[in-house]
């Protein structure tokens, strides 16, 4: 899983509106949308409970979920070749 900062996560880094532990804050800083959760934890010293808290607070989200379309793509008509072509 690749975590990304949400808008709330970016805001918390700016204004410190939520009290985070040093490991949680460092992990939030390290989250860049390229590193896996394991890499973020290794780089920041955060544990699974720290990452879980960031997800629960809505400060980070799974990249796959964050980039998922909110509505299904419309189906496009399929062109077929005329008979004998």
C-alpha atoms as a PDB file:
ATOM      1  CA  UNK A   1       0.000   0.000   0.000  1.00  0.00           C
ATOM      2  CA  UNK A   2       1.284   3.443  -0.930  1.00  0.00           C
ATOM      3  CA  UNK A   3       0.066   6.200   1.424  1.00  0.00           C
ATOM      4  CA  UNK A   4      -0.511   9.798   0.322  1.00  0.00           C
ATOM      5  CA  UNK A   5      -1.173  12.894   2.406  1.00  0.00           C
ATOM      6  CA  UNK A   6      -4.731  14.128   2.339  1.00  0.00           C
ATOM      7  CA  UNK A   7      -5.606  17.820   2.379  1.00  0.00           C
ATOM      8  CA  UNK A   8      -6.218  17.435   6.111  1.00  0.00           C
ATOM      9  CA  UNK A   9      -2.743  15.947   6.509  1.00  0.00           C
ATOM     10  CA  UNK A  10      -1.153  18.829   4.646  1.00  0.00           C
ATOM     11  CA  UNK A  11      -3.083  21.309   6.783  1.00  0.00           C
ATOM     12  CA  UNK A  12      -2.047  19.631  10.052  1.00  0.00           C
ATOM     13  CA  UNK A  13       1.598  19.893   9.018  1.00  0.00           C
ATOM     14  CA  UNK A  14       1.145  23.626   8.440  1.00  0.00           C
ATOM     15  CA  UNK A  15      -0.890  24.642  11.462  1.00  0.00           C
ATOM     16  CA  UNK A  16      -0.312  21.806  13.965  1.00  0.00           C
ATOM     17  CA  UNK A  17      -4.051  21.744  14.653  1.00  0.00           C
ATOM     18  CA  UNK A  18      -3.794  18.121  15.843  1.00  0.00           C
ATOM     19  CA  UNK A  19      -1.346  16.902  18.450  1.00  0.00           C
ATOM     20  CA  UNK A  20       0.743  14.122  16.932  1.00  0.00           C
ATOM     21  CA  UNK A  21       3.610  12.194  18.447  1.00  0.00           C
ATOM     22  CA  UNK A  22       7.029  12.939  17.001  1.00  0.00           C
ATOM     23  CA  UNK A  23       7.018   9.590  15.165  1.00  0.00           C
ATOM     24  CA  UNK A  24       3.555  10.285  13.694  1.00  0.00           C
ATOM     25  CA  UNK A  25       4.581  13.768  12.563  1.00  0.00           C
ATOM     26  CA  UNK A  26       7.794  12.437  11.027  1.00  0.00           C
ATOM     27  CA  UNK A  27       5.865   9.669   9.255  1.00  0.00           C
ATOM     28  CA  UNK A  28       3.387  12.227   7.927  1.00  0.00           C
ATOM     29  CA  UNK A  29       6.277  14.306   6.584  1.00  0.00           C
ATOM     30  CA  UNK A  30       7.860  11.224   4.948  1.00  0.00           C
ATOM     31  CA  UNK A  31       4.616  10.189   3.199  1.00  0.00           C
ATOM     32  CA  UNK A  32       5.118  11.213  -0.415  1.00  0.00           C
ATOM     33  CA  UNK A  33       2.883   8.980  -2.517  1.00  0.00           C
ATOM     34  CA  UNK A  34       5.866   6.925  -3.719  1.00  0.00           C
ATOM     35  CA  UNK A  35       7.015   5.021  -0.640  1.00  0.00           C
ATOM     36  CA  UNK A  36       5.152   2.049   0.759  1.00  0.00           C
ATOM     37  CA  UNK A  37       3.861   2.006   4.325  1.00  0.00           C
ATOM     38  CA  UNK A  38       6.799  -0.239   5.266  1.00  0.00           C
ATOM     39  CA  UNK A  39       9.282   2.239   3.773  1.00  0.00           C
ATOM     40  CA  UNK A  40       7.616   5.162   5.567  1.00  0.00           C
ATOM     41  CA  UNK A  41       7.775   3.290   8.872  1.00  0.00           C
ATOM     42  CA  UNK A  42      11.419   2.374   8.329  1.00  0.00           C
ATOM     43  CA  UNK A  43      12.387   5.953   7.397  1.00  0.00           C
ATOM     44  CA  UNK A  44      10.446   7.624  10.203  1.00  0.00           C
ATOM     45  CA  UNK A  45      10.734   5.131  13.040  1.00  0.00           C
ATOM     46  CA  UNK A  46       6.939   4.953  13.204  1.00  0.00           C
ATOM     47  CA  UNK A  47       5.217   1.705  14.103  1.00  0.00           C
ATOM     48  CA  UNK A  48       2.073   0.114  12.699  1.00  0.00           C
ATOM     49  CA  UNK A  49      -0.037   1.785  15.398  1.00  0.00           C
ATOM     50  CA  UNK A  50       1.333   5.209  14.407  1.00  0.00           C
ATOM     51  CA  UNK A  51       0.426   4.635  10.758  1.00  0.00           C
ATOM     52  CA  UNK A  52      -2.989   3.272  11.716  1.00  0.00           C
ATOM     53  CA  UNK A  53      -3.653   6.445  13.698  1.00  0.00           C
ATOM     54  CA  UNK A  54      -2.728   8.639  10.704  1.00  0.00           C
ATOM     55  CA  UNK A  55      -5.165   6.680   8.528  1.00  0.00           C
ATOM     56  CA  UNK A  56      -7.914   6.831  11.186  1.00  0.00           C
ATOM     57  CA  UNK A  57      -7.481  10.595  11.547  1.00  0.00           C
ATOM     58  CA  UNK A  58      -7.815  10.974   7.777  1.00  0.00           C
ATOM     59  CA  UNK A  59      -4.352  12.509   7.442  1.00  0.00           C
ATOM     60  CA  UNK A  60      -3.195   9.878   4.961  1.00  0.00           C
ATOM     61  CA  UNK A  61      -5.034   7.655   2.514  1.00  0.00           C
ATOM     62  CA  UNK A  62      -4.178   4.715   0.281  1.00  0.00           C
ATOM     63  CA  UNK A  63      -3.007   6.015  -3.108  1.00  0.00           C
ATOM     64  CA  UNK A  64      -5.170   3.466  -4.949  1.00  0.00           C
ATOM     65  CA  UNK A  65      -8.275   4.606  -3.058  1.00  0.00           C
ATOM     66  CA  UNK A  66      -7.413   8.305  -3.313  1.00  0.00           C
ATOM     67  CA  UNK A  67      -7.058   8.059  -7.116  1.00  0.00           C
ATOM     68  CA  UNK A  68     -10.052   5.813  -7.701  1.00  0.00           C
ATOM     69  CA  UNK A  69     -12.796   7.372  -9.824  1.00  0.00           C
ATOM     70  CA  UNK A  70     -15.858   8.361  -7.861  1.00  0.00           C
ATOM     71  CA  UNK A  71     -18.217   7.293 -10.638  1.00  0.00           C
ATOM     72  CA  UNK A  72     -17.831   4.429 -13.062  1.00  0.00           C
ATOM     73  CA  UNK A  73     -16.612   5.405 -16.503  1.00  0.00           C
ATOM     74  CA  UNK A  74     -19.373   5.483 -19.108  1.00  0.00           C
ATOM     75  CA  UNK A  75     -19.451   2.602 -21.545  1.00  0.00           C
ATOM     76  CA  UNK A  76     -18.465   3.546 -25.061  1.00  0.00           C
ATOM     77  CA  UNK A  77     -20.163   1.995 -28.070  1.00  0.00           C
ATOM     78  CA  UNK A  78     -18.120  -0.690 -29.789  1.00  0.00           C
ATOM     79  CA  UNK A  79     -17.599  -0.302 -33.501  1.00  0.00           C
ATOM     80  CA  UNK A  80     -17.921  -3.458 -35.506  1.00  0.00           C
ATOM     81  CA  UNK A  81     -16.829  -4.096 -39.045  1.00  0.00           C
ATOM     82  CA  UNK A  82     -19.570  -4.488 -41.615  1.00  0.00           C
ATOM     83  CA  UNK A  83     -20.125  -8.039 -42.833  1.00  0.00           C
ATOM     84  CA  UNK A  84     -17.797  -8.984 -45.680  1.00  0.00           C
ATOM     85  CA  UNK A  85     -15.235  -6.296 -44.931  1.00  0.00           C
END
